[in-house]
Amino acid sequence: MRGDIHDPDLNRISVTVGEVRTSPDLKIATAYVMPLGGEGQDDLIALLARNKHELRRIIGKKVGLKYAPDLRFRLDETFDQMDETRRLFDQDTVRRDVES
């Protein structure tokens, strides 16, 4: 989809979409995103929100939907959660409990 958006600020950012969750009626799609390298997270959400109507139009055309879902964007915190889990498992007290 790169290059289809006419916002030069958004075109400069490489975006990782970790997951997209839809509501049961498919009217809302929440995309969990992260900028490549993790820099500019708050800017990314604002840029995606600013361009959501154009993104919605493009997605509708590419997927062949009569009605494209409303798009919502959230930061993908999966990697932060995995890092925190690793940190916890590296603690001596946790390792002792897990080993016994």
PDB file of N, CA and C in Angstrom:
ATOM      1  N   MET A   1       0.828  -1.193   0.000  1.00  0.00           N
ATOM      2  CA  MET A   1       0.000   0.000   0.000  1.00  0.00           C
ATOM      3  C   MET A   1       0.871   1.255   0.000  1.00  0.00           C
ATOM      4  N   ARG A   2       2.162   1.109   0.237  1.00  0.00           N
ATOM      5  CA  ARG A   2       3.052   2.251   0.293  1.00  0.00           C
ATOM      6  C   ARG A   2       2.960   3.037  -1.019  1.00  0.00           C
ATOM      7  N   GLY A   3       2.900   4.360  -0.890  1.00  0.00           N
ATOM      8  CA  GLY A   3       2.816   5.195  -2.069  1.00  0.00           C
ATOM      9  C   GLY A   3       1.381   5.545  -2.456  1.00  0.00           C
ATOM     10  N   ASP A   4       0.401   4.806  -1.952  1.00  0.00           N
ATOM     11  CA  ASP A   4      -1.001   5.095  -2.263  1.00  0.00           C
ATOM     12  C   ASP A   4      -1.524   6.277  -1.454  1.00  0.00           C
ATOM     13  N   ILE A   5      -0.900   6.537  -0.318  1.00  0.00           N
ATOM     14  CA  ILE A   5      -1.328   7.626   0.567  1.00  0.00           C
ATOM     15  C   ILE A   5      -0.620   8.902   0.130  1.00  0.00           C
ATOM     16  N   HIS A   6      -1.336   9.993   0.109  1.00  0.00           N
ATOM     17  CA  HIS A   6      -0.786  11.252  -0.378  1.00  0.00           C
ATOM     18  C   HIS A   6      -0.230  12.126   0.735  1.00  0.00           C
ATOM     19  N   ASP A   7      -0.091  11.591   1.934  1.00  0.00           N
ATOM     20  CA  ASP A   7       0.459  12.339   3.060  1.00  0.00           C
ATOM     21  C   ASP A   7       1.961  12.045   3.146  1.00  0.00           C
ATOM     22  N   PRO A   8       2.821  13.011   2.807  1.00  0.00           N
ATOM     23  CA  PRO A   8       4.265  12.757   2.818  1.00  0.00           C
ATOM     24  C   PRO A   8       4.791  12.377   4.202  1.00  0.00           C
ATOM     25  N   ASP A   9       4.176  12.899   5.267  1.00  0.00           N
ATOM     26  CA  ASP A   9       4.618  12.548   6.617  1.00  0.00           C
ATOM     27  C   ASP A   9       4.391  11.062   6.900  1.00  0.00           C
ATOM     28  N   LEU A  10       3.259  10.541   6.488  1.00  0.00           N
ATOM     29  CA  LEU A  10       2.956   9.128   6.696  1.00  0.00           C
ATOM     30  C   LEU A  10       3.772   8.241   5.754  1.00  0.00           C
ATOM     31  N   ASN A  11       4.023   8.709   4.547  1.00  0.00           N
ATOM     32  CA  ASN A  11       4.804   7.927   3.578  1.00  0.00           C
ATOM     33  C   ASN A  11       6.244   7.715   4.028  1.00  0.00           C
ATOM     34  N   ARG A  12       6.745   8.568   4.923  1.00  0.00           N
ATOM     35  CA  ARG A  12       8.123   8.446   5.411  1.00  0.00           C
ATOM     36  C   ARG A  12       8.280   7.371   6.484  1.00  0.00           C
ATOM     37  N   ILE A  13       7.180   6.864   7.024  1.00  0.00           N
ATOM     38  CA  ILE A  13       7.238   5.933   8.155  1.00  0.00           C
ATOM     39  C   ILE A  13       6.938   4.514   7.678  1.00  0.00           C
ATOM     40  N   SER A  14       7.792   3.580   8.111  1.00  0.00           N
ATOM     41  CA  SER A  14       7.509   2.159   7.880  1.00  0.00           C
ATOM     42  C   SER A  14       6.729   1.657   9.087  1.00  0.00           C
ATOM     43  N   VAL A  15       5.601   1.028   8.827  1.00  0.00           N
ATOM     44  CA  VAL A  15       4.685   0.633   9.891  1.00  0.00           C
ATOM     45  C   VAL A  15       4.573  -0.884   9.940  1.00  0.00           C
ATOM     46  N   THR A  16       4.659  -1.416  11.151  1.00  0.00           N
ATOM     47  CA  THR A  16       4.398  -2.832  11.381  1.00  0.00           C
ATOM     48  C   THR A  16       2.997  -2.952  11.967  1.00  0.00           C
ATOM     49  N   VAL A  17       2.156  -3.757  11.338  1.00  0.00           N
ATOM     50  CA  VAL A  17       0.823  -4.038  11.852  1.00  0.00           C
ATOM     51  C   VAL A  17       0.885  -5.422  12.484  1.00  0.00           C
ATOM     52  N   GLY A  18       0.850  -5.449  13.815  1.00  0.00           N
ATOM     53  CA  GLY A  18       0.967  -6.716  14.523  1.00  0.00           C
ATOM     54  C   GLY A  18      -0.310  -7.524  14.524  1.00  0.00           C
ATOM     55  N   GLU A  19      -1.439  -6.830  14.530  1.00  0.00           N
ATOM     56  CA  GLU A  19      -2.730  -7.517  14.619  1.00  0.00           C
ATOM     57  C   GLU A  19      -3.831  -6.548  14.232  1.00  0.00           C
ATOM     58  N   VAL A  20      -4.902  -7.087  13.701  1.00  0.00           N
ATOM     59  CA  VAL A  20      -6.114  -6.305  13.448  1.00  0.00           C
ATOM     60  C   VAL A  20      -7.272  -7.086  14.036  1.00  0.00           C
ATOM     61  N   ARG A  21      -8.015  -6.447  14.918  1.00  0.00           N
ATOM     62  CA  ARG A  21      -9.198  -7.070  15.522  1.00  0.00           C
ATOM     63  C   ARG A  21     -10.435  -6.361  14.992  1.00  0.00           C
ATOM     64  N   THR A  22     -11.431  -7.139  14.622  1.00  0.00           N
ATOM     65  CA  THR A  22     -12.671  -6.548  14.140  1.00  0.00           C
ATOM     66  C   THR A  22     -13.784  -6.799  15.148  1.00  0.00           C
ATOM     67  N   SER A  23     -14.739  -5.915  15.149  1.00  0.00           N
ATOM     68  CA  SER A  23     -15.925  -6.116  15.977  1.00  0.00           C
ATOM     69  C   SER A  23     -16.726  -7.262  15.358  1.00  0.00           C
ATOM     70  N   PRO A  24     -17.602  -7.912  16.139  1.00  0.00           N
ATOM     71  CA  PRO A  24     -18.383  -9.039  15.605  1.00  0.00           C
ATOM     72  C   PRO A  24     -19.193  -8.692  14.347  1.00  0.00           C
ATOM     73  N   ASP A  25     -19.652  -7.444  14.252  1.00  0.00           N
ATOM     74  CA  ASP A  25     -20.438  -7.049  13.082  1.00  0.00           C
ATOM     75  C   ASP A  25     -19.573  -6.508  11.938  1.00  0.00           C
ATOM     76  N   LEU A  26     -18.255  -6.548  12.115  1.00  0.00           N
ATOM     77  CA  LEU A  26     -17.270  -6.103  11.121  1.00  0.00           C
ATOM     78  C   LEU A  26     -17.354  -4.613  10.781  1.00  0.00           C
ATOM     79  N   LYS A  27     -17.967  -3.831  11.651  1.00  0.00           N
ATOM     80  CA  LYS A  27     -18.086  -2.401  11.383  1.00  0.00           C
ATOM     81  C   LYS A  27     -16.880  -1.608  11.880  1.00  0.00           C
ATOM     82  N   ILE A  28     -16.112  -2.199  12.809  1.00  0.00           N
ATOM     83  CA  ILE A  28     -14.945  -1.518  13.368  1.00  0.00           C
ATOM     84  C   ILE A  28     -13.748  -2.463  13.279  1.00  0.00           C
ATOM     85  N   ALA A  29     -12.630  -1.936  12.803  1.00  0.00           N
ATOM     86  CA  ALA A  29     -11.375  -2.688  12.771  1.00  0.00           C
ATOM     87  C   ALA A  29     -10.340  -1.893  13.552  1.00  0.00           C
ATOM     88  N   THR A  30      -9.778  -2.522  14.569  1.00  0.00           N
ATOM     89  CA  THR A  30      -8.735  -1.885  15.373  1.00  0.00           C
ATOM     90  C   THR A  30      -7.398  -2.493  14.974  1.00  0.00           C
ATOM     91  N   ALA A  31      -6.509  -1.656  14.463  1.00  0.00           N
ATOM     92  CA  ALA A  31      -5.189  -2.103  14.033  1.00  0.00           C
ATOM     93  C   ALA A  31      -4.176  -1.764  15.120  1.00  0.00           C
ATOM     94  N   TYR A  32      -3.419  -2.769  15.523  1.00  0.00           N
ATOM     95  CA  TYR A  32      -2.354  -2.591  16.510  1.00  0.00           C
ATOM     96  C   TYR A  32      -1.052  -2.421  15.738  1.00  0.00           C
ATOM     97  N   VAL A  33      -0.478  -1.233  15.824  1.00  0.00           N
ATOM     98  CA  VAL A  33       0.629  -0.836  14.969  1.00  0.00           C
ATOM     99  C   VAL A  33       1.835  -0.383  15.778  1.00  0.00           C
ATOM    100  N   MET A  34       2.981  -0.410  15.111  1.00  0.00           N
ATOM    101  CA  MET A  34       4.220   0.077  15.699  1.00  0.00           C
ATOM    102  C   MET A  34       5.098   0.587  14.561  1.00  0.00           C
ATOM    103  N   PRO A  35       5.702   1.771  14.745  1.00  0.00           N
ATOM    104  CA  PRO A  35       6.630   2.225  13.709  1.00  0.00           C
ATOM    105  C   PRO A  35       7.885   1.358  13.754  1.00  0.00           C
ATOM    106  N   LEU A  36       8.451   1.070  12.597  1.00  0.00           N
ATOM    107  CA  LEU A  36       9.659   0.279  12.531  1.00  0.00           C
ATOM    108  C   LEU A  36      10.754   0.973  13.336  1.00  0.00           C
ATOM    109  N   GLY A  37      11.347   0.269  14.263  1.00  0.00           N
ATOM    110  CA  GLY A  37      12.362   0.851  15.137  1.00  0.00           C
ATOM    111  C   GLY A  37      11.783   1.454  16.405  1.00  0.00           C
ATOM    112  N   GLY A  38      10.462   1.600  16.471  1.00  0.00           N
ATOM    113  CA  GLY A  38       9.810   2.086  17.684  1.00  0.00           C
ATOM    114  C   GLY A  38       9.815   3.591  17.880  1.00  0.00           C
ATOM    115  N   GLU A  39      10.470   4.343  17.016  1.00  0.00           N
ATOM    116  CA  GLU A  39      10.540   5.799  17.163  1.00  0.00           C
ATOM    117  C   GLU A  39       9.300   6.475  16.589  1.00  0.00           C
ATOM    118  N   GLY A  40       8.786   7.493  17.269  1.00  0.00           N
ATOM    119  CA  GLY A  40       7.667   8.277  16.750  1.00  0.00           C
ATOM    120  C   GLY A  40       6.308   7.613  16.912  1.00  0.00           C
ATOM    121  N   GLN A  41       6.129   6.887  17.998  1.00  0.00           N
ATOM    122  CA  GLN A  41       4.876   6.147  18.205  1.00  0.00           C
ATOM    123  C   GLN A  41       3.659   7.062  18.252  1.00  0.00           C
ATOM    124  N   ASP A  42       3.746   8.136  19.018  1.00  0.00           N
ATOM    125  CA  ASP A  42       2.594   9.040  19.139  1.00  0.00           C
ATOM    126  C   ASP A  42       2.291   9.728  17.809  1.00  0.00           C
ATOM    127  N   ASP A  43       3.341  10.093  17.081  1.00  0.00           N
ATOM    128  CA  ASP A  43       3.142  10.710  15.767  1.00  0.00           C
ATOM    129  C   ASP A  43       2.455   9.740  14.817  1.00  0.00           C
ATOM    130  N   LEU A  44       2.843   8.471  14.886  1.00  0.00           N
ATOM    131  CA  LEU A  44       2.260   7.471  13.995  1.00  0.00           C
ATOM    132  C   LEU A  44       0.758   7.362  14.185  1.00  0.00           C
ATOM    133  N   ILE A  45       0.312   7.273  15.420  1.00  0.00           N
ATOM    134  CA  ILE A  45      -1.128   7.138  15.696  1.00  0.00           C
ATOM    135  C   ILE A  45      -1.873   8.359  15.159  1.00  0.00           C
ATOM    136  N   ALA A  46      -1.314   9.534  15.378  1.00  0.00           N
ATOM    137  CA  ALA A  46      -1.956  10.762  14.889  1.00  0.00           C
ATOM    138  C   ALA A  46      -1.996  10.794  13.365  1.00  0.00           C
ATOM    139  N   LEU A  47      -0.914  10.388  12.708  1.00  0.00           N
ATOM    140  CA  LEU A  47      -0.882  10.382  11.245  1.00  0.00           C
ATOM    141  C   LEU A  47      -1.860   9.368  10.662  1.00  0.00           C
ATOM    142  N   LEU A  48      -1.918   8.188  11.264  1.00  0.00           N
ATOM    143  CA  LEU A  48      -2.870   7.189  10.775  1.00  0.00           C
ATOM    144  C   LEU A  48      -4.305   7.665  10.966  1.00  0.00           C
ATOM    145  N   ALA A  49      -4.582   8.261  12.109  1.00  0.00           N
ATOM    146  CA  ALA A  49      -5.931   8.776  12.371  1.00  0.00           C
ATOM    147  C   ALA A  49      -6.287   9.881  11.372  1.00  0.00           C
ATOM    148  N   ARG A  50      -5.316  10.731  11.078  1.00  0.00           N
ATOM    149  CA  ARG A  50      -5.543  11.822  10.119  1.00  0.00           C
ATOM    150  C   ARG A  50      -5.840  11.282   8.717  1.00  0.00           C
ATOM    151  N   ASN A  51      -5.295  10.120   8.388  1.00  0.00           N
ATOM    152  CA  ASN A  51      -5.449   9.537   7.054  1.00  0.00           C
ATOM    153  C   ASN A  51      -6.406   8.357   7.022  1.00  0.00           C
ATOM    154  N   LYS A  52      -7.176   8.150   8.075  1.00  0.00           N
ATOM    155  CA  LYS A  52      -7.992   6.935   8.155  1.00  0.00           C
ATOM    156  C   LYS A  52      -9.059   6.849   7.061  1.00  0.00           C
ATOM    157  N   HIS A  53      -9.581   7.967   6.621  1.00  0.00           N
ATOM    158  CA  HIS A  53     -10.607   7.910   5.567  1.00  0.00           C
ATOM    159  C   HIS A  53     -10.009   7.419   4.248  1.00  0.00           C
ATOM    160  N   GLU A  54      -8.817   7.900   3.930  1.00  0.00           N
ATOM    161  CA  GLU A  54      -8.158   7.442   2.709  1.00  0.00           C
ATOM    162  C   GLU A  54      -7.726   5.976   2.842  1.00  0.00           C
ATOM    163  N   LEU A  55      -7.211   5.598   4.010  1.00  0.00           N
ATOM    164  CA  LEU A  55      -6.841   4.203   4.255  1.00  0.00           C
ATOM    165  C   LEU A  55      -8.051   3.289   4.143  1.00  0.00           C
ATOM    166  N   ARG A  56      -9.151   3.740   4.684  1.00  0.00           N
ATOM    167  CA  ARG A  56     -10.394   2.955   4.637  1.00  0.00           C
ATOM    168  C   ARG A  56     -10.853   2.749   3.185  1.00  0.00           C
ATOM    169  N   ARG A  57     -10.752   3.781   2.398  1.00  0.00           N
ATOM    170  CA  ARG A  57     -11.133   3.699   0.983  1.00  0.00           C
ATOM    171  C   ARG A  57     -10.233   2.701   0.245  1.00  0.00           C
ATOM    172  N   ILE A  58      -8.930   2.785   0.498  1.00  0.00           N
ATOM    173  CA  ILE A  58      -7.974   1.888  -0.163  1.00  0.00           C
ATOM    174  C   ILE A  58      -8.214   0.441   0.245  1.00  0.00           C
ATOM    175  N   ILE A  59      -8.413   0.220   1.528  1.00  0.00           N
ATOM    176  CA  ILE A  59      -8.658  -1.146   2.022  1.00  0.00           C
ATOM    177  C   ILE A  59      -9.934  -1.708   1.412  1.00  0.00           C
ATOM    178  N   GLY A  60     -10.979  -0.904   1.372  1.00  0.00           N
ATOM    179  CA  GLY A  60     -12.241  -1.347   0.786  1.00  0.00           C
ATOM    180  C   GLY A  60     -12.085  -1.771  -0.658  1.00  0.00           C
ATOM    181  N   LYS A  61     -11.302  -1.005  -1.429  1.00  0.00           N
ATOM    182  CA  LYS A  61     -11.075  -1.342  -2.831  1.00  0.00           C
ATOM    183  C   LYS A  61     -10.236  -2.611  -2.981  1.00  0.00           C
ATOM    184  N   LYS A  62      -9.163  -2.699  -2.208  1.00  0.00           N
ATOM    185  CA  LYS A  62      -8.244  -3.840  -2.343  1.00  0.00           C
ATOM    186  C   LYS A  62      -8.870  -5.146  -1.880  1.00  0.00           C
ATOM    187  N   VAL A  63      -9.708  -5.085  -0.860  1.00  0.00           N
ATOM    188  CA  VAL A  63     -10.315  -6.295  -0.313  1.00  0.00           C
ATOM    189  C   VAL A  63     -11.642  -6.597  -0.995  1.00  0.00           C
ATOM    190  N   GLY A  64     -12.190  -5.634  -1.700  1.00  0.00           N
ATOM    191  CA  GLY A  64     -13.442  -5.852  -2.414  1.00  0.00           C
ATOM    192  C   GLY A  64     -14.667  -5.817  -1.518  1.00  0.00           C
ATOM    193  N   LEU A  65     -14.613  -4.990  -0.491  1.00  0.00           N
ATOM    194  CA  LEU A  65     -15.743  -4.870   0.430  1.00  0.00           C
ATOM    195  C   LEU A  65     -16.721  -3.797  -0.043  1.00  0.00           C
ATOM    196  N   LYS A  66     -17.987  -4.055   0.159  1.00  0.00           N
ATOM    197  CA  LYS A  66     -18.992  -3.047  -0.150  1.00  0.00           C
ATOM    198  C   LYS A  66     -18.896  -1.907   0.865  1.00  0.00           C
ATOM    199  N   TYR A  67     -18.727  -2.275   2.148  1.00  0.00           N
ATOM    200  CA  TYR A  67     -18.558  -1.296   3.221  1.00  0.00           C
ATOM    201  C   TYR A  67     -17.282  -1.628   3.976  1.00  0.00           C
ATOM    202  N   ALA A  68     -16.348  -0.709   3.982  1.00  0.00           N
ATOM    203  CA  ALA A  68     -15.105  -0.910   4.733  1.00  0.00           C
ATOM    204  C   ALA A  68     -15.355  -0.538   6.197  1.00  0.00           C
ATOM    205  N   PRO A  69     -14.727  -1.252   7.121  1.00  0.00           N
ATOM    206  CA  PRO A  69     -14.938  -0.948   8.543  1.00  0.00           C
ATOM    207  C   PRO A  69     -14.313   0.389   8.931  1.00  0.00           C
ATOM    208  N   ASP A  70     -14.844   0.975   9.985  1.00  0.00           N
ATOM    209  CA  ASP A  70     -14.236   2.162  10.568  1.00  0.00           C
ATOM    210  C   ASP A  70     -12.903   1.723  11.150  1.00  0.00           C
ATOM    211  N   LEU A  71     -11.854   2.497  10.920  1.00  0.00           N
ATOM    212  CA  LEU A  71     -10.526   2.113  11.375  1.00  0.00           C
ATOM    213  C   LEU A  71     -10.161   2.840  12.657  1.00  0.00           C
ATOM    214  N   ARG A  72      -9.578   2.085  13.557  1.00  0.00           N
ATOM    215  CA  ARG A  72      -9.041   2.628  14.805  1.00  0.00           C
ATOM    216  C   ARG A  72      -7.607   2.141  14.928  1.00  0.00           C
ATOM    217  N   PHE A  73      -6.752   2.947  15.513  1.00  0.00           N
ATOM    218  CA  PHE A  73      -5.339   2.603  15.602  1.00  0.00           C
ATOM    219  C   PHE A  73      -4.882   2.671  17.058  1.00  0.00           C
ATOM    220  N   ARG A  74      -4.181   1.631  17.474  1.00  0.00           N
ATOM    221  CA  ARG A  74      -3.621   1.548  18.826  1.00  0.00           C
ATOM    222  C   ARG A  74      -2.179   1.084  18.700  1.00  0.00           C
ATOM    223  N   LEU A  75      -1.358   1.502  19.657  1.00  0.00           N
ATOM    224  CA  LEU A  75       0.021   1.033  19.665  1.00  0.00           C
ATOM    225  C   LEU A  75       0.059  -0.443  20.033  1.00  0.00           C
ATOM    226  N   ASP A  76       0.866  -1.194  19.334  1.00  0.00           N
ATOM    227  CA  ASP A  76       1.055  -2.615  19.613  1.00  0.00           C
ATOM    228  C   ASP A  76       2.079  -2.729  20.734  1.00  0.00           C
ATOM    229  N   GLU A  77       1.622  -3.119  21.899  1.00  0.00           N
ATOM    230  CA  GLU A  77       2.491  -3.220  23.074  1.00  0.00           C
ATOM    231  C   GLU A  77       2.968  -4.643  23.317  1.00  0.00           C
ATOM    232  N   THR A  78       2.779  -5.519  22.350  1.00  0.00           N
ATOM    233  CA  THR A  78       3.153  -6.923  22.500  1.00  0.00           C
ATOM    234  C   THR A  78       4.635  -7.069  22.806  1.00  0.00           C
ATOM    235  N   PHE A  79       5.480  -6.340  22.084  1.00  0.00           N
ATOM    236  CA  PHE A  79       6.919  -6.480  22.276  1.00  0.00           C
ATOM    237  C   PHE A  79       7.338  -5.997  23.658  1.00  0.00           C
ATOM    238  N   ASP A  80       6.731  -4.906  24.134  1.00  0.00           N
ATOM    239  CA  ASP A  80       7.023  -4.419  25.481  1.00  0.00           C
ATOM    240  C   ASP A  80       6.607  -5.446  26.526  1.00  0.00           C
ATOM    241  N   GLN A  81       5.460  -6.074  26.317  1.00  0.00           N
ATOM    242  CA  GLN A  81       4.991  -7.088  27.259  1.00  0.00           C
ATOM    243  C   GLN A  81       5.914  -8.304  27.258  1.00  0.00           C
ATOM    244  N   MET A  82       6.408  -8.700  26.082  1.00  0.00           N
ATOM    245  CA  MET A  82       7.338  -9.831  26.013  1.00  0.00           C
ATOM    246  C   MET A  82       8.643  -9.499  26.720  1.00  0.00           C
ATOM    247  N   ASP A  83       9.145  -8.270  26.554  1.00  0.00           N
ATOM    248  CA  ASP A  83      10.369  -7.854  27.237  1.00  0.00           C
ATOM    249  C   ASP A  83      10.186  -7.886  28.748  1.00  0.00           C
ATOM    250  N   GLU A  84       9.040  -7.426  29.215  1.00  0.00           N
ATOM    251  CA  GLU A  84       8.765  -7.431  30.656  1.00  0.00           C
ATOM    252  C   GLU A  84       8.664  -8.863  31.172  1.00  0.00           C
ATOM    253  N   THR A  85       8.052  -9.751  30.425  1.00  0.00           N
ATOM    254  CA  THR A  85       7.951 -11.159  30.832  1.00  0.00           C
ATOM    255  C   THR A  85       9.334 -11.783  30.912  1.00  0.00           C
ATOM    256  N   ARG A  86      10.183 -11.515  29.932  1.00  0.00           N
ATOM    257  CA  ARG A  86      11.568 -12.026  29.968  1.00  0.00           C
ATOM    258  C   ARG A  86      12.303 -11.502  31.186  1.00  0.00           C
ATOM    259  N   ARG A  87      12.126 -10.213  31.474  1.00  0.00           N
ATOM    260  CA  ARG A  87      12.793  -9.607  32.637  1.00  0.00           C
ATOM    261  C   ARG A  87      12.355 -10.300  33.923  1.00  0.00           C
ATOM    262  N   LEU A  88      11.055 -10.571  34.034  1.00  0.00           N
ATOM    263  CA  LEU A  88      10.548 -11.243  35.229  1.00  0.00           C
ATOM    264  C   LEU A  88      11.117 -12.651  35.364  1.00  0.00           C
ATOM    265  N   PHE A  89      11.158 -13.394  34.259  1.00  0.00           N
ATOM    266  CA  PHE A  89      11.680 -14.758  34.302  1.00  0.00           C
ATOM    267  C   PHE A  89      13.182 -14.803  34.569  1.00  0.00           C
ATOM    268  N   ASP A  90      13.873 -13.706  34.328  1.00  0.00           N
ATOM    269  CA  ASP A  90      15.309 -13.651  34.605  1.00  0.00           C
ATOM    270  C   ASP A  90      15.623 -13.374  36.074  1.00  0.00           C
ATOM    271  N   GLN A  91      14.634 -13.002  36.853  1.00  0.00           N
ATOM    272  CA  GLN A  91      14.864 -12.750  38.280  1.00  0.00           C
ATOM    273  C   GLN A  91      15.145 -14.071  38.997  1.00  0.00           C
ATOM    274  N   ASP A  92      16.103 -14.023  39.921  1.00  0.00           N
ATOM    275  CA  ASP A  92      16.491 -15.239  40.649  1.00  0.00           C
ATOM    276  C   ASP A  92      15.320 -15.871  41.387  1.00  0.00           C
ATOM    277  N   THR A  93      14.513 -15.058  42.042  1.00  0.00           N
ATOM    278  CA  THR A  93      13.391 -15.620  42.821  1.00  0.00           C
ATOM    279  C   THR A  93      12.380 -16.328  41.918  1.00  0.00           C
ATOM    280  N   VAL A  94      12.119 -15.768  40.759  1.00  0.00           N
ATOM    281  CA  VAL A  94      11.166 -16.383  39.828  1.00  0.00           C
ATOM    282  C   VAL A  94      11.758 -17.661  39.258  1.00  0.00           C
ATOM    283  N   ARG A  95      13.027 -17.644  38.899  1.00  0.00           N
ATOM    284  CA  ARG A  95      13.678 -18.838  38.367  1.00  0.00           C
ATOM    285  C   ARG A  95      13.656 -19.989  39.370  1.00  0.00           C
ATOM    286  N   ARG A  96      13.912 -19.665  40.636  1.00  0.00           N
ATOM    287  CA  ARG A  96      13.856 -20.702  41.684  1.00  0.00           C
ATOM    288  C   ARG A  96      12.456 -21.296  41.781  1.00  0.00           C
ATOM    289  N   ASP A  97      11.433 -20.437  41.728  1.00  0.00           N
ATOM    290  CA  ASP A  97      10.062 -20.935  41.824  1.00  0.00           C
ATOM    291  C   ASP A  97       9.680 -21.794  40.616  1.00  0.00           C
ATOM    292  N   VAL A  98      10.116 -21.394  39.450  1.00  0.00           N
ATOM    293  CA  VAL A  98       9.781 -22.129  38.232  1.00  0.00           C
ATOM    294  C   VAL A  98      10.512 -23.473  38.206  1.00  0.00           C
ATOM    295  N   GLU A  99      11.744 -23.497  38.658  1.00  0.00           N
ATOM    296  CA  GLU A  99      12.548 -24.733  38.642  1.00  0.00           C
ATOM    297  C   GLU A  99      12.053 -25.761  39.654  1.00  0.00           C
ATOM    298  N   SER A 100      11.453 -25.307  40.744  1.00  0.00           N
ATOM    299  CA  SER A 100      11.036 -26.286  41.770  1.00  0.00           C
ATOM    300  C   SER A 100       9.645 -26.818  41.560  1.00  0.00           C
TER     301      SER A 100
END
